[in-house]
C-alpha atoms as a PDB file:
ATOM      1  CA  MET A   1     -18.624 -17.418  20.329  1.00  0.00           C
ATOM      2  CA  THR A   2     -18.957 -15.306  23.450  1.00  0.00           C
ATOM      3  CA  GLY A   3     -19.379 -11.941  21.736  1.00  0.00           C
ATOM      4  CA  SER A   4     -22.937 -11.047  20.760  1.00  0.00           C
ATOM      5  CA  GLN A   5     -22.204  -8.079  18.508  1.00  0.00           C
ATOM      6  CA  ALA A   6     -22.677  -8.779  14.804  1.00  0.00           C
ATOM      7  CA  PRO A   7     -19.550  -8.432  12.630  1.00  0.00           C
ATOM      8  CA  VAL A   8     -19.229  -5.546  10.196  1.00  0.00           C
ATOM      9  CA  VAL A   9     -19.782  -6.783   6.622  1.00  0.00           C
ATOM     10  CA  GLU A  10     -18.045  -5.063   3.688  1.00  0.00           C
ATOM     11  CA  MET A  11     -17.300  -5.556   0.013  1.00  0.00           C
ATOM     12  CA  LEU A  12     -13.645  -5.653  -0.966  1.00  0.00           C
ATOM     13  CA  TRP A  13     -14.011  -3.994  -4.365  1.00  0.00           C
ATOM     14  CA  GLU A  14     -17.522  -4.493  -5.758  1.00  0.00           C
ATOM     15  CA  ALA A  15     -20.045  -1.655  -5.493  1.00  0.00           C
ATOM     16  CA  ARG A  16     -22.828  -3.850  -4.109  1.00  0.00           C
ATOM     17  CA  ASP A  17     -24.802  -4.160  -0.886  1.00  0.00           C
ATOM     18  CA  PRO A  18     -22.664  -6.500   1.254  1.00  0.00           C
ATOM     19  CA  HIS A  19     -25.631  -7.862   3.202  1.00  0.00           C
ATOM     20  CA  ARG A  20     -27.428  -8.858   0.010  1.00  0.00           C
ATOM     21  CA  VAL A  21     -24.240 -10.531  -1.214  1.00  0.00           C
ATOM     22  CA  LEU A  22     -23.793 -12.295   2.123  1.00  0.00           C
ATOM     23  CA  ASP A  23     -27.272 -13.748   1.720  1.00  0.00           C
ATOM     24  CA  GLY A  24     -27.343 -14.367  -2.048  1.00  0.00           C
ATOM     25  CA  ARG A  25     -23.857 -15.823  -2.538  1.00  0.00           C
ATOM     26  CA  PHE A  26     -22.956 -17.181   0.876  1.00  0.00           C
ATOM     27  CA  GLY A  27     -26.322 -18.234   2.294  1.00  0.00           C
ATOM     28  CA  PHE A  28     -26.338 -16.204   5.517  1.00  0.00           C
ATOM     29  CA  GLY A  29     -29.437 -14.188   6.312  1.00  0.00           C
ATOM     30  CA  ASP A  30     -27.511 -11.815   8.545  1.00  0.00           C
ATOM     31  CA  ALA A  31     -24.002 -11.039   9.732  1.00  0.00           C
ATOM     32  CA  GLN A  32     -24.497 -12.549  13.161  1.00  0.00           C
ATOM     33  CA  SER A  33     -25.366 -15.987  11.769  1.00  0.00           C
ATOM     34  CA  ALA A  34     -22.279 -15.824   9.518  1.00  0.00           C
ATOM     35  CA  GLY A  35     -20.101 -15.015  12.529  1.00  0.00           C
ATOM     36  CA  ARG A  36     -21.583 -17.916  14.509  1.00  0.00           C
ATOM     37  CA  TRP A  37     -20.946 -20.298  11.600  1.00  0.00           C
ATOM     38  CA  VAL A  38     -17.290 -19.231  11.405  1.00  0.00           C
ATOM     39  CA  ALA A  39     -16.910 -19.778  15.151  1.00  0.00           C
ATOM     40  CA  ASP A  40     -18.491 -23.239  14.959  1.00  0.00           C
ATOM     41  CA  VAL A  41     -16.272 -24.370  12.060  1.00  0.00           C
ATOM     42  CA  LEU A  42     -13.100 -23.133  13.728  1.00  0.00           C
ATOM     43  CA  ASP A  43     -14.045 -24.838  16.967  1.00  0.00           C
ATOM     44  CA  GLU A  44     -14.882 -28.138  15.240  1.00  0.00           C
ATOM     45  CA  HIS A  45     -11.840 -28.430  12.970  1.00  0.00           C
ATOM     46  CA  TRP A  46      -9.145 -26.318  14.616  1.00  0.00           C
ATOM     47  CA  GLY A  47     -10.180 -26.481  18.258  1.00  0.00           C
ATOM     48  CA  VAL A  48     -10.116 -22.692  18.305  1.00  0.00           C
ATOM     49  CA  HIS A  49     -12.491 -20.814  20.582  1.00  0.00           C
ATOM     50  CA  VAL A  50     -13.701 -17.586  18.985  1.00  0.00           C
ATOM     51  CA  ASP A  51     -14.398 -14.726  21.371  1.00  0.00           C
ATOM     52  CA  SER A  52     -15.792 -12.467  18.656  1.00  0.00           C
ATOM     53  CA  CYS A  53     -15.976 -12.053  14.896  1.00  0.00           C
ATOM     54  CA  GLU A  54     -14.998  -8.460  14.089  1.00  0.00           C
ATOM     55  CA  ARG A  55     -15.414  -8.115  10.365  1.00  0.00           C
ATOM     56  CA  ILE A  56     -16.331 -10.076   7.237  1.00  0.00           C
ATOM     57  CA  VAL A  57     -15.122  -8.889   3.832  1.00  0.00           C
ATOM     58  CA  LEU A  58     -16.625 -10.327   0.637  1.00  0.00           C
ATOM     59  CA  SER A  59     -15.072 -10.586  -2.821  1.00  0.00           C
ATOM     60  CA  ASP A  60     -16.561 -12.577  -5.679  1.00  0.00           C
ATOM     61  CA  GLY A  61     -17.052 -16.058  -4.213  1.00  0.00           C
ATOM     62  CA  ASN A  62     -14.565 -15.537  -1.378  1.00  0.00           C
ATOM     63  CA  ALA A  63     -15.080 -14.309   2.158  1.00  0.00           C
ATOM     64  CA  LEU A  64     -12.629 -13.313   4.874  1.00  0.00           C
ATOM     65  CA  ALA A  65     -13.492 -13.117   8.575  1.00  0.00           C
ATOM     66  CA  TRP A  66     -11.297 -11.522  11.242  1.00  0.00           C
ATOM     67  CA  VAL A  67     -11.836 -13.201  14.619  1.00  0.00           C
ATOM     68  CA  ASP A  68     -10.497 -12.722  18.145  1.00  0.00           C
ATOM     69  CA  THR A  69      -9.317 -15.841  19.965  1.00  0.00           C
ATOM     70  CA  PRO A  70      -7.554 -16.402  23.327  1.00  0.00           C
ATOM     71  CA  SER A  71      -4.289 -16.958  21.408  1.00  0.00           C
ATOM     72  CA  GLY A  72      -4.589 -13.857  19.202  1.00  0.00           C
ATOM     73  CA  ARG A  73      -6.386 -12.583  16.134  1.00  0.00           C
ATOM     74  CA  ARG A  74      -6.989 -15.030  13.306  1.00  0.00           C
ATOM     75  CA  LEU A  75      -8.219 -14.752   9.725  1.00  0.00           C
ATOM     76  CA  ALA A  76     -10.608 -17.322   8.269  1.00  0.00           C
ATOM     77  CA  LYS A  77     -10.908 -17.354   4.489  1.00  0.00           C
ATOM     78  CA  TRP A  78     -13.385 -19.448   2.567  1.00  0.00           C
ATOM     79  CA  SER A  79     -14.763 -19.921  -0.920  1.00  0.00           C
ATOM     80  CA  VAL A  80     -18.170 -21.065  -2.084  1.00  0.00           C
ATOM     81  CA  LEU A  81     -16.982 -21.821  -5.631  1.00  0.00           C
ATOM     82  CA  PRO A  82     -16.311 -25.597  -5.887  1.00  0.00           C
ATOM     83  CA  GLY A  83     -14.220 -25.205  -9.027  1.00  0.00           C
ATOM     84  CA  ARG A  84     -11.611 -23.371  -6.955  1.00  0.00           C
ATOM     85  CA  PHE A  85     -11.374 -25.898  -4.113  1.00  0.00           C
ATOM     86  CA  PRO A  86      -8.486 -27.982  -5.543  1.00  0.00           C
ATOM     87  CA  ARG A  87      -6.451 -24.856  -6.269  1.00  0.00           C
ATOM     88  CA  LEU A  88      -7.045 -23.458  -2.791  1.00  0.00           C
ATOM     89  CA  ALA A  89      -5.673 -26.665  -1.324  1.00  0.00           C
ATOM     90  CA  GLU A  90      -2.571 -26.334  -3.518  1.00  0.00           C
ATOM     91  CA  VAL A  91      -2.118 -22.678  -2.534  1.00  0.00           C
ATOM     92  CA  ALA A  92      -2.293 -23.632   1.143  1.00  0.00           C
ATOM     93  CA  ARG A  93       0.366 -26.304   0.591  1.00  0.00           C
ATOM     94  CA  LEU A  94       2.565 -23.826  -1.302  1.00  0.00           C
ATOM     95  CA  THR A  95       2.366 -21.028   1.290  1.00  0.00           C
ATOM     96  CA  SER A  96       3.098 -23.490   4.081  1.00  0.00           C
ATOM     97  CA  TRP A  97       6.205 -24.617   2.176  1.00  0.00           C
ATOM     98  CA  LEU A  98       7.321 -21.019   1.571  1.00  0.00           C
ATOM     99  CA  ASP A  99       6.823 -20.180   5.239  1.00  0.00           C
ATOM    100  CA  GLY A 100       9.051 -23.108   6.166  1.00  0.00           C
ATOM    101  CA  ARG A 101      11.822 -21.563   4.070  1.00  0.00           C
ATOM    102  CA  GLY A 102      11.642 -18.189   5.726  1.00  0.00           C
ATOM    103  CA  LEU A 103       9.665 -16.290   3.094  1.00  0.00           C
ATOM    104  CA  PRO A 104       7.283 -13.611   4.427  1.00  0.00           C
ATOM    105  CA  VAL A 105       3.904 -15.165   3.654  1.00  0.00           C
ATOM    106  CA  SER A 106       0.657 -15.706   5.537  1.00  0.00           C
ATOM    107  CA  ALA A 107       0.925 -19.420   6.249  1.00  0.00           C
ATOM    108  CA  PRO A 108      -2.106 -21.608   6.943  1.00  0.00           C
ATOM    109  CA  VAL A 109      -2.721 -22.880  10.468  1.00  0.00           C
ATOM    110  CA  PRO A 110      -3.138 -26.689  10.423  1.00  0.00           C
ATOM    111  CA  THR A 111      -6.322 -28.238  11.765  1.00  0.00           C
ATOM    112  CA  ARG A 112      -6.259 -30.631  14.692  1.00  0.00           C
ATOM    113  CA  ASP A 113      -5.728 -33.503  12.232  1.00  0.00           C
ATOM    114  CA  GLY A 114      -3.041 -31.671  10.243  1.00  0.00           C
ATOM    115  CA  ARG A 115      -5.036 -30.438   7.237  1.00  0.00           C
ATOM    116  CA  LEU A 116      -4.226 -27.022   5.788  1.00  0.00           C
ATOM    117  CA  GLN A 117      -7.578 -26.525   4.042  1.00  0.00           C
ATOM    118  CA  VAL A 118     -10.963 -27.916   5.053  1.00  0.00           C
ATOM    119  CA  GLU A 119     -13.987 -28.654   2.905  1.00  0.00           C
ATOM    120  CA  ALA A 120     -17.117 -28.426   5.046  1.00  0.00           C
ATOM    121  CA  ASP A 121     -20.702 -27.262   4.593  1.00  0.00           C
ATOM    122  CA  GLY A 122     -20.120 -26.847   0.847  1.00  0.00           C
ATOM    123  CA  VAL A 123     -17.169 -24.445   1.240  1.00  0.00           C
ATOM    124  CA  SER A 124     -13.378 -24.665   1.268  1.00  0.00           C
ATOM    125  CA  LEU A 125     -11.940 -22.876   4.303  1.00  0.00           C
ATOM    126  CA  GLY A 126      -8.492 -22.109   5.691  1.00  0.00           C
ATOM    127  CA  LEU A 127      -7.242 -20.333   8.796  1.00  0.00           C
ATOM    128  CA  GLN A 128      -4.282 -17.958   9.128  1.00  0.00           C
ATOM    129  CA  ARG A 129      -2.773 -15.813  11.839  1.00  0.00           C
ATOM    130  CA  VAL A 130      -3.384 -12.103  11.368  1.00  0.00           C
ATOM    131  CA  ILE A 131      -0.132 -10.439  10.329  1.00  0.00           C
ATOM    132  CA  GLU A 132       0.149  -6.889  11.553  1.00  0.00           C
ATOM    133  CA  GLY A 133       1.122  -4.327   8.959  1.00  0.00           C
ATOM    134  CA  ASP A 134      -0.148  -1.878   6.376  1.00  0.00           C
ATOM    135  CA  LEU A 135      -0.451  -2.231   2.630  1.00  0.00           C
ATOM    136  CA  LEU A 136       2.701  -1.333   0.719  1.00  0.00           C
ATOM    137  CA  ASP A 137       3.107   2.452   0.547  1.00  0.00           C
ATOM    138  CA  THR A 138       4.676   3.267  -2.810  1.00  0.00           C
ATOM    139  CA  THR A 139       5.578   6.769  -1.598  1.00  0.00           C
ATOM    140  CA  ASP A 140       8.000   5.175   0.887  1.00  0.00           C
ATOM    141  CA  PRO A 141      11.314   4.509  -0.929  1.00  0.00           C
ATOM    142  CA  GLY A 142      12.445   1.968   1.646  1.00  0.00           C
ATOM    143  CA  GLN A 143       9.281  -0.084   1.352  1.00  0.00           C
ATOM    144  CA  VAL A 144       9.426  -0.034  -2.444  1.00  0.00           C
ATOM    145  CA  ARG A 145      13.029  -1.213  -2.533  1.00  0.00           C
ATOM    146  CA  ALA A 146      12.312  -3.884   0.085  1.00  0.00           C
ATOM    147  CA  ALA A 147       9.350  -5.102  -1.961  1.00  0.00           C
ATOM    148  CA  GLY A 148      11.537  -5.505  -5.051  1.00  0.00           C
ATOM    149  CA  ALA A 149      14.085  -7.517  -3.081  1.00  0.00           C
ATOM    150  CA  VAL A 150      11.372  -9.757  -1.636  1.00  0.00           C
ATOM    151  CA  LEU A 151       9.930 -10.460  -5.082  1.00  0.00           C
ATOM    152  CA  ALA A 152      13.355 -11.669  -6.228  1.00  0.00           C
ATOM    153  CA  ARG A 153      13.691 -13.909  -3.161  1.00  0.00           C
ATOM    154  CA  LEU A 154      10.167 -15.204  -3.662  1.00  0.00           C
ATOM    155  CA  GLN A 155      10.834 -16.080  -7.297  1.00  0.00           C
ATOM    156  CA  ASP A 156      14.016 -17.931  -6.316  1.00  0.00           C
ATOM    157  CA  ALA A 157      12.025 -19.990  -3.816  1.00  0.00           C
ATOM    158  CA  LEU A 158       9.166 -20.646  -6.244  1.00  0.00           C
ATOM    159  CA  ALA A 159      11.657 -21.917  -8.808  1.00  0.00           C
ATOM    160  CA  ALA A 160      12.616 -24.643  -6.326  1.00  0.00           C
ATOM    161  CA  TYR A 161       9.085 -25.619  -5.242  1.00  0.00           C
ATOM    162  CA  PRO A 162       8.937 -29.422  -5.558  1.00  0.00           C
ATOM    163  CA  HIS A 163       5.232 -29.542  -6.483  1.00  0.00           C
ATOM    164  CA  ALA A 164       5.185 -26.747  -9.065  1.00  0.00           C
ATOM    165  CA  GLU A 165       3.653 -29.048 -11.677  1.00  0.00           C
ATOM    166  CA  ARG A 166       0.399 -28.961  -9.719  1.00  0.00           C
ATOM    167  CA  PHE A 167      -0.052 -25.367 -10.883  1.00  0.00           C
ATOM    168  CA  THR A 168       0.213 -26.203 -14.573  1.00  0.00           C
ATOM    169  CA  THR A 169      -2.825 -26.029 -16.812  1.00  0.00           C
ATOM    170  CA  PRO A 170      -3.393 -29.157 -18.898  1.00  0.00           C
ATOM    171  CA  ALA A 171      -3.686 -27.127 -22.070  1.00  0.00           C
ATOM    172  CA  VAL A 172      -1.514 -26.178 -25.009  1.00  0.00           C
ATOM    173  CA  ALA A 173       1.845 -24.792 -23.908  1.00  0.00           C
ATOM    174  CA  SER A 174       2.170 -21.019 -23.980  1.00  0.00           C
ATOM    175  CA  PRO A 175       3.628 -19.734 -27.263  1.00  0.00           C
ATOM    176  CA  PRO A 176       6.870 -17.723 -27.296  1.00  0.00           C
ATOM    177  CA  LEU A 177       6.649 -14.201 -25.947  1.00  0.00           C
ATOM    178  CA  THR A 178       6.971 -12.644 -29.392  1.00  0.00           C
ATOM    179  CA  GLN A 179       3.869 -14.529 -30.525  1.00  0.00           C
ATOM    180  CA  GLN A 180       1.980 -13.651 -27.334  1.00  0.00           C
ATOM    181  CA  ILE A 181       2.671  -9.940 -27.702  1.00  0.00           C
ATOM    182  CA  THR A 182       1.975  -9.896 -31.448  1.00  0.00           C
ATOM    183  CA  ALA A 183      -1.323 -11.722 -30.912  1.00  0.00           C
ATOM    184  CA  TRP A 184      -2.258  -9.231 -28.205  1.00  0.00           C
ATOM    185  CA  LEU A 185      -1.461  -6.332 -30.512  1.00  0.00           C
ATOM    186  CA  ASP A 186      -3.556  -7.867 -33.300  1.00  0.00           C
ATOM    187  CA  THR A 187      -6.603  -8.667 -31.162  1.00  0.00           C
ATOM    188  CA  ARG A 188      -6.794  -6.361 -28.148  1.00  0.00           C
ATOM    189  CA  ALA A 189      -4.760  -3.232 -28.795  1.00  0.00           C
ATOM    190  CA  ALA A 190      -7.013  -1.511 -31.355  1.00  0.00           C
ATOM    191  CA  PRO A 191      -8.093   1.324 -28.978  1.00  0.00           C
ATOM    192  CA  LEU A 192      -4.468   2.326 -28.364  1.00  0.00           C
ATOM    193  CA  PRO A 193      -2.800   5.126 -30.344  1.00  0.00           C
ATOM    194  CA  ALA A 194      -1.114   3.905 -33.520  1.00  0.00           C
ATOM    195  CA  ALA A 195       2.219   5.236 -32.260  1.00  0.00           C
ATOM    196  CA  ALA A 196       2.022   2.983 -29.220  1.00  0.00           C
ATOM    197  CA  ARG A 197       1.132  -0.099 -31.274  1.00  0.00           C
ATOM    198  CA  ASP A 198       3.883   0.631 -33.797  1.00  0.00           C
ATOM    199  CA  ALA A 199       6.447   1.183 -31.046  1.00  0.00           C
ATOM    200  CA  LEU A 200       5.675  -2.138 -29.389  1.00  0.00           C
ATOM    201  CA  HIS A 201       5.730  -3.934 -32.754  1.00  0.00           C
ATOM    202  CA  GLY A 202       9.139  -2.408 -33.427  1.00  0.00           C
ATOM    203  CA  LEU A 203      10.518  -3.391 -30.047  1.00  0.00           C
ATOM    204  CA  VAL A 204       9.285  -6.966 -30.446  1.00  0.00           C
ATOM    205  CA  ALA A 205      10.967  -7.214 -33.826  1.00  0.00           C
ATOM    206  CA  GLY A 206      14.314  -6.313 -32.326  1.00  0.00           C
ATOM    207  CA  VAL A 207      14.436  -8.475 -29.189  1.00  0.00           C
ATOM    208  CA  PRO A 208      16.735 -11.490 -28.828  1.00  0.00           C
ATOM    209  CA  PRO A 209      15.282 -15.016 -29.059  1.00  0.00           C
ATOM    210  CA  ASP A 210      12.910 -15.933 -26.220  1.00  0.00           C
ATOM    211  CA  ARG A 211      15.162 -17.968 -23.944  1.00  0.00           C
ATOM    212  CA  LEU A 212      13.859 -16.468 -20.716  1.00  0.00           C
ATOM    213  CA  PRO A 213      13.299 -18.946 -17.869  1.00  0.00           C
ATOM    214  CA  ARG A 214       9.772 -20.059 -17.083  1.00  0.00           C
ATOM    215  CA  GLN A 215       8.790 -21.152 -13.607  1.00  0.00           C
ATOM    216  CA  LEU A 216       6.070 -20.857 -11.001  1.00  0.00           C
ATOM    217  CA  VAL A 217       5.455 -17.149 -10.278  1.00  0.00           C
ATOM    218  CA  HIS A 218       3.077 -15.116  -8.098  1.00  0.00           C
ATOM    219  CA  LEU A 219       1.717 -12.874 -10.909  1.00  0.00           C
ATOM    220  CA  ASP A 220      -0.318 -10.608  -8.595  1.00  0.00           C
ATOM    221  CA  PHE A 221       2.413  -8.832  -6.651  1.00  0.00           C
ATOM    222  CA  ARG A 222       1.105  -5.329  -5.867  1.00  0.00           C
ATOM    223  CA  SER A 223       0.261  -3.033  -2.992  1.00  0.00           C
ATOM    224  CA  ALA A 224      -3.018  -4.815  -2.226  1.00  0.00           C
ATOM    225  CA  ASN A 225      -1.094  -8.048  -1.654  1.00  0.00           C
ATOM    226  CA  VAL A 226       1.996  -6.799   0.207  1.00  0.00           C
ATOM    227  CA  LEU A 227       1.934  -5.972   3.915  1.00  0.00           C
ATOM    228  CA  CYS A 228       4.745  -3.878   5.383  1.00  0.00           C
ATOM    229  CA  ALA A 229       5.761  -3.152   8.973  1.00  0.00           C
ATOM    230  CA  ASP A 230       8.770  -1.249  10.332  1.00  0.00           C
ATOM    231  CA  GLY A 231      10.087  -0.649   6.814  1.00  0.00           C
ATOM    232  CA  LYS A 232      10.128  -4.338   5.930  1.00  0.00           C
ATOM    233  CA  VAL A 233       7.811  -6.639   4.007  1.00  0.00           C
ATOM    234  CA  ALA A 234       5.794  -8.499   6.626  1.00  0.00           C
ATOM    235  CA  ALA A 235       3.864 -10.711   4.207  1.00  0.00           C
ATOM    236  CA  VAL A 236       3.139 -11.363   0.551  1.00  0.00           C
ATOM    237  CA  LEU A 237      -0.513 -12.344   0.248  1.00  0.00           C
ATOM    238  CA  ASP A 238      -2.877 -14.041  -2.208  1.00  0.00           C
ATOM    239  CA  PHE A 239      -1.166 -16.692  -4.296  1.00  0.00           C
ATOM    240  CA  GLU A 240      -4.369 -17.649  -6.091  1.00  0.00           C
ATOM    241  CA  GLU A 241      -3.113 -16.249  -9.416  1.00  0.00           C
ATOM    242  CA  ALA A 242       0.147 -18.229  -9.235  1.00  0.00           C
ATOM    243  CA  ARG A 243       1.054 -20.041 -12.442  1.00  0.00           C
ATOM    244  CA  HIS A 244       3.955 -20.902 -14.717  1.00  0.00           C
ATOM    245  CA  ASP A 245       5.255 -17.922 -16.661  1.00  0.00           C
ATOM    246  CA  HIS A 246       8.452 -16.003 -17.277  1.00  0.00           C
ATOM    247  CA  ARG A 247       9.832 -14.491 -14.095  1.00  0.00           C
ATOM    248  CA  LEU A 248      10.531 -11.303 -16.075  1.00  0.00           C
ATOM    249  CA  VAL A 249       6.829 -11.078 -17.004  1.00  0.00           C
ATOM    250  CA  ASP A 250       6.034 -11.410 -13.303  1.00  0.00           C
ATOM    251  CA  LEU A 251       8.515  -8.614 -12.524  1.00  0.00           C
ATOM    252  CA  ALA A 252       7.240  -6.320 -15.299  1.00  0.00           C
ATOM    253  CA  ARG A 253       3.628  -6.840 -14.276  1.00  0.00           C
ATOM    254  CA  ALA A 254       4.489  -6.130 -10.633  1.00  0.00           C
ATOM    255  CA  THR A 255       6.394  -2.979 -11.633  1.00  0.00           C
ATOM    256  CA  VAL A 256       3.386  -1.644 -13.554  1.00  0.00           C
ATOM    257  CA  LEU A 257       0.727  -2.647 -10.994  1.00  0.00           C
ATOM    258  CA  LEU A 258       2.766  -1.949  -7.873  1.00  0.00           C
ATOM    259  CA  GLY A 259       0.557   0.837  -6.523  1.00  0.00           C
ATOM    260  CA  THR A 260      -2.834  -0.764  -7.195  1.00  0.00           C
ATOM    261  CA  ARG A 261      -5.207  -1.642  -4.401  1.00  0.00           C
ATOM    262  CA  TYR A 262      -8.971  -2.184  -4.529  1.00  0.00           C
ATOM    263  CA  HIS A 263     -10.420   0.988  -6.010  1.00  0.00           C
ATOM    264  CA  ASP A 264      -9.328   3.731  -8.430  1.00  0.00           C
ATOM    265  CA  TRP A 265      -6.318   1.822  -9.715  1.00  0.00           C
ATOM    266  CA  GLY A 266      -3.531   3.978 -11.056  1.00  0.00           C
ATOM    267  CA  PRO A 267       0.122   3.703 -12.132  1.00  0.00           C
ATOM    268  CA  VAL A 268       3.144   4.629 -10.040  1.00  0.00           C
ATOM    269  CA  PRO A 269       5.668   7.252 -11.247  1.00  0.00           C
ATOM    270  CA  PRO A 270       8.799   6.200 -13.179  1.00  0.00           C
ATOM    271  CA  GLU A 271      11.042   6.825 -10.180  1.00  0.00           C
ATOM    272  CA  VAL A 272       9.029   4.328  -8.128  1.00  0.00           C
ATOM    273  CA  GLN A 273       9.294   1.755 -10.904  1.00  0.00           C
ATOM    274  CA  ALA A 274      13.065   2.296 -11.056  1.00  0.00           C
ATOM    275  CA  ARG A 275      13.396   1.965  -7.287  1.00  0.00           C
ATOM    276  CA  PHE A 276      11.410  -1.285  -7.285  1.00  0.00           C
ATOM    277  CA  LEU A 277      13.595  -2.706 -10.070  1.00  0.00           C
ATOM    278  CA  ALA A 278      16.738  -1.648  -8.189  1.00  0.00           C
ATOM    279  CA  GLY A 279      15.511  -3.505  -5.108  1.00  0.00           C
ATOM    280  CA  TYR A 280      14.889  -6.592  -7.203  1.00  0.00           C
ATOM    281  CA  GLN A 281      18.320  -6.425  -8.807  1.00  0.00           C
ATOM    282  CA  SER A 282      19.992  -6.049  -5.420  1.00  0.00           C
ATOM    283  CA  VAL A 283      19.091  -9.716  -4.953  1.00  0.00           C
ATOM    284  CA  ARG A 284      19.071 -10.961  -8.541  1.00  0.00           C
ATOM    285  CA  PRO A 285      20.486  -8.780 -11.340  1.00  0.00           C
ATOM    286  CA  LEU A 286      18.855  -9.188 -14.734  1.00  0.00           C
ATOM    287  CA  THR A 287      20.741 -11.377 -17.166  1.00  0.00           C
ATOM    288  CA  PRO A 288      21.803  -9.876 -20.529  1.00  0.00           C
ATOM    289  CA  ALA A 289      18.910 -11.724 -22.219  1.00  0.00           C
ATOM    290  CA  GLU A 290      16.426 -10.367 -19.655  1.00  0.00           C
ATOM    291  CA  SER A 291      17.806  -6.844 -20.035  1.00  0.00           C
ATOM    292  CA  GLY A 292      17.164  -7.118 -23.769  1.00  0.00           C
ATOM    293  CA  TRP A 293      13.515  -7.938 -23.077  1.00  0.00           C
ATOM    294  CA  TRP A 294      12.856  -5.551 -20.193  1.00  0.00           C
ATOM    295  CA  ASP A 295      11.652  -2.478 -22.115  1.00  0.00           C
ATOM    296  CA  VAL A 296       9.386  -4.642 -24.280  1.00  0.00           C
ATOM    297  CA  LEU A 297       7.685  -6.394 -21.399  1.00  0.00           C
ATOM    298  CA  LEU A 298       7.337  -3.239 -19.305  1.00  0.00           C
ATOM    299  CA  LEU A 299       5.674  -1.390 -22.214  1.00  0.00           C
ATOM    300  CA  TRP A 300       3.428  -4.367 -22.987  1.00  0.00           C
ATOM    301  CA  GLN A 301       2.196  -4.640 -19.398  1.00  0.00           C
ATOM    302  CA  ALA A 302       1.692  -0.862 -19.181  1.00  0.00           C
ATOM    303  CA  LEU A 303      -0.284  -0.683 -22.433  1.00  0.00           C
ATOM    304  CA  ALA A 304      -2.418  -3.629 -21.336  1.00  0.00           C
ATOM    305  CA  MET A 305      -3.677  -1.509 -18.416  1.00  0.00           C
ATOM    306  CA  VAL A 306      -4.905   1.392 -20.571  1.00  0.00           C
ATOM    307  CA  PRO A 307      -8.731   1.377 -20.455  1.00  0.00           C
ATOM    308  CA  PRO A 308     -10.670   1.644 -23.734  1.00  0.00           C
ATOM    309  CA  GLY A 309     -12.697   4.659 -22.609  1.00  0.00           C
ATOM    310  CA  GLU A 310     -12.159   7.245 -19.909  1.00  0.00           C
ATOM    311  CA  ASP A 311      -8.829   7.067 -18.122  1.00  0.00           C
ATOM    312  CA  PRO A 312      -9.272   8.971 -14.849  1.00  0.00           C
ATOM    313  CA  THR A 313      -6.144   7.603 -13.154  1.00  0.00           C
ATOM    314  CA  GLY A 314      -3.728   8.157 -16.032  1.00  0.00           C
ATOM    315  CA  TRP A 315      -2.779   4.719 -17.330  1.00  0.00           C
ATOM    316  CA  GLY A 316      -2.517   6.055 -20.879  1.00  0.00           C
ATOM    317  CA  PRO A 317      -0.023   8.868 -20.219  1.00  0.00           C
ATOM    318  CA  SER A 318       2.000   6.556 -17.966  1.00  0.00           C
ATOM    319  CA  ALA A 319       2.273   3.888 -20.685  1.00  0.00           C
ATOM    320  CA  LEU A 320       3.013   6.409 -23.436  1.00  0.00           C
ATOM    321  CA  SER A 321       5.873   7.828 -21.354  1.00  0.00           C
ATOM    322  CA  LEU A 322       7.626   4.467 -21.863  1.00  0.00           C
ATOM    323  CA  LEU A 323       7.668   4.750 -25.652  1.00  0.00           C
ATOM    324  CA  PRO A 324      11.198   4.906 -27.056  1.00  0.00           C
ATOM    325  CA  HIS A 325      12.294   8.358 -28.169  1.00  0.00           C
ATOM    326  CA  PRO A 326      13.037   8.788 -31.900  1.00  0.00           C
END
């Protein structure tokens, strides 16, 4: 690494001293040694010369480093949590496959020997090209509609992924949606107003049988994970939460969480939710069965975001606005 300036170190969402975290979790006494390590690993496995390491962002057991190279800016992402290593390898394989089918994702850059993810020095590390863009702006109608359309396209592609079984959990199969929602109401919804619990119970009682398709879905589609440029979606990021679920659950969750980033999470207005759904349906209209479930799943996901105590960003009023009128 030719640059001598130490990279800036930040926390993504935790309110902790990033330098202490860099040392305690990742084993680097200072930012400069972390930057040198990144440069050495990229040179050894990718044959990439690093001119400088600009910034390192830490989150849980993951770290991201933005580096300058002669062929452009690159992003190195690694984890120090061994339990996640197999999944990270699967995510790299999945995003590479999606990229090959024209989906806007941040695809991994293969190593010199063709690997998409490397395990070295007790970490699992991948390399990506930096995609220029800004996080999804939910005040921009065009971006919101484009994001909905991209989610529909992404779900269509994920439904055809030939290695989807690698994302299954070897546990008991998920119960029907009615049982899932009823169990949630019985065990986790006590702090909610009785009117909200009763309304969701009533909606669940009146839905058609659960014949909604299950498939591999993203399940973390929101502003923090969607980059936009020139009014289009440049990349959908972070597939680490991907799993098998109903695509309508994925859509409802995305609709509720669309505006969330890293701090001070809050809901988006109803008109933004409607615009996002319209964008989705421009690619894949809801089936009659899905339409019968939509209000239930949207209310469920909204109520699940209501905090038990103070609610400074307004999740409660947003969820209660979805209650059916008498």
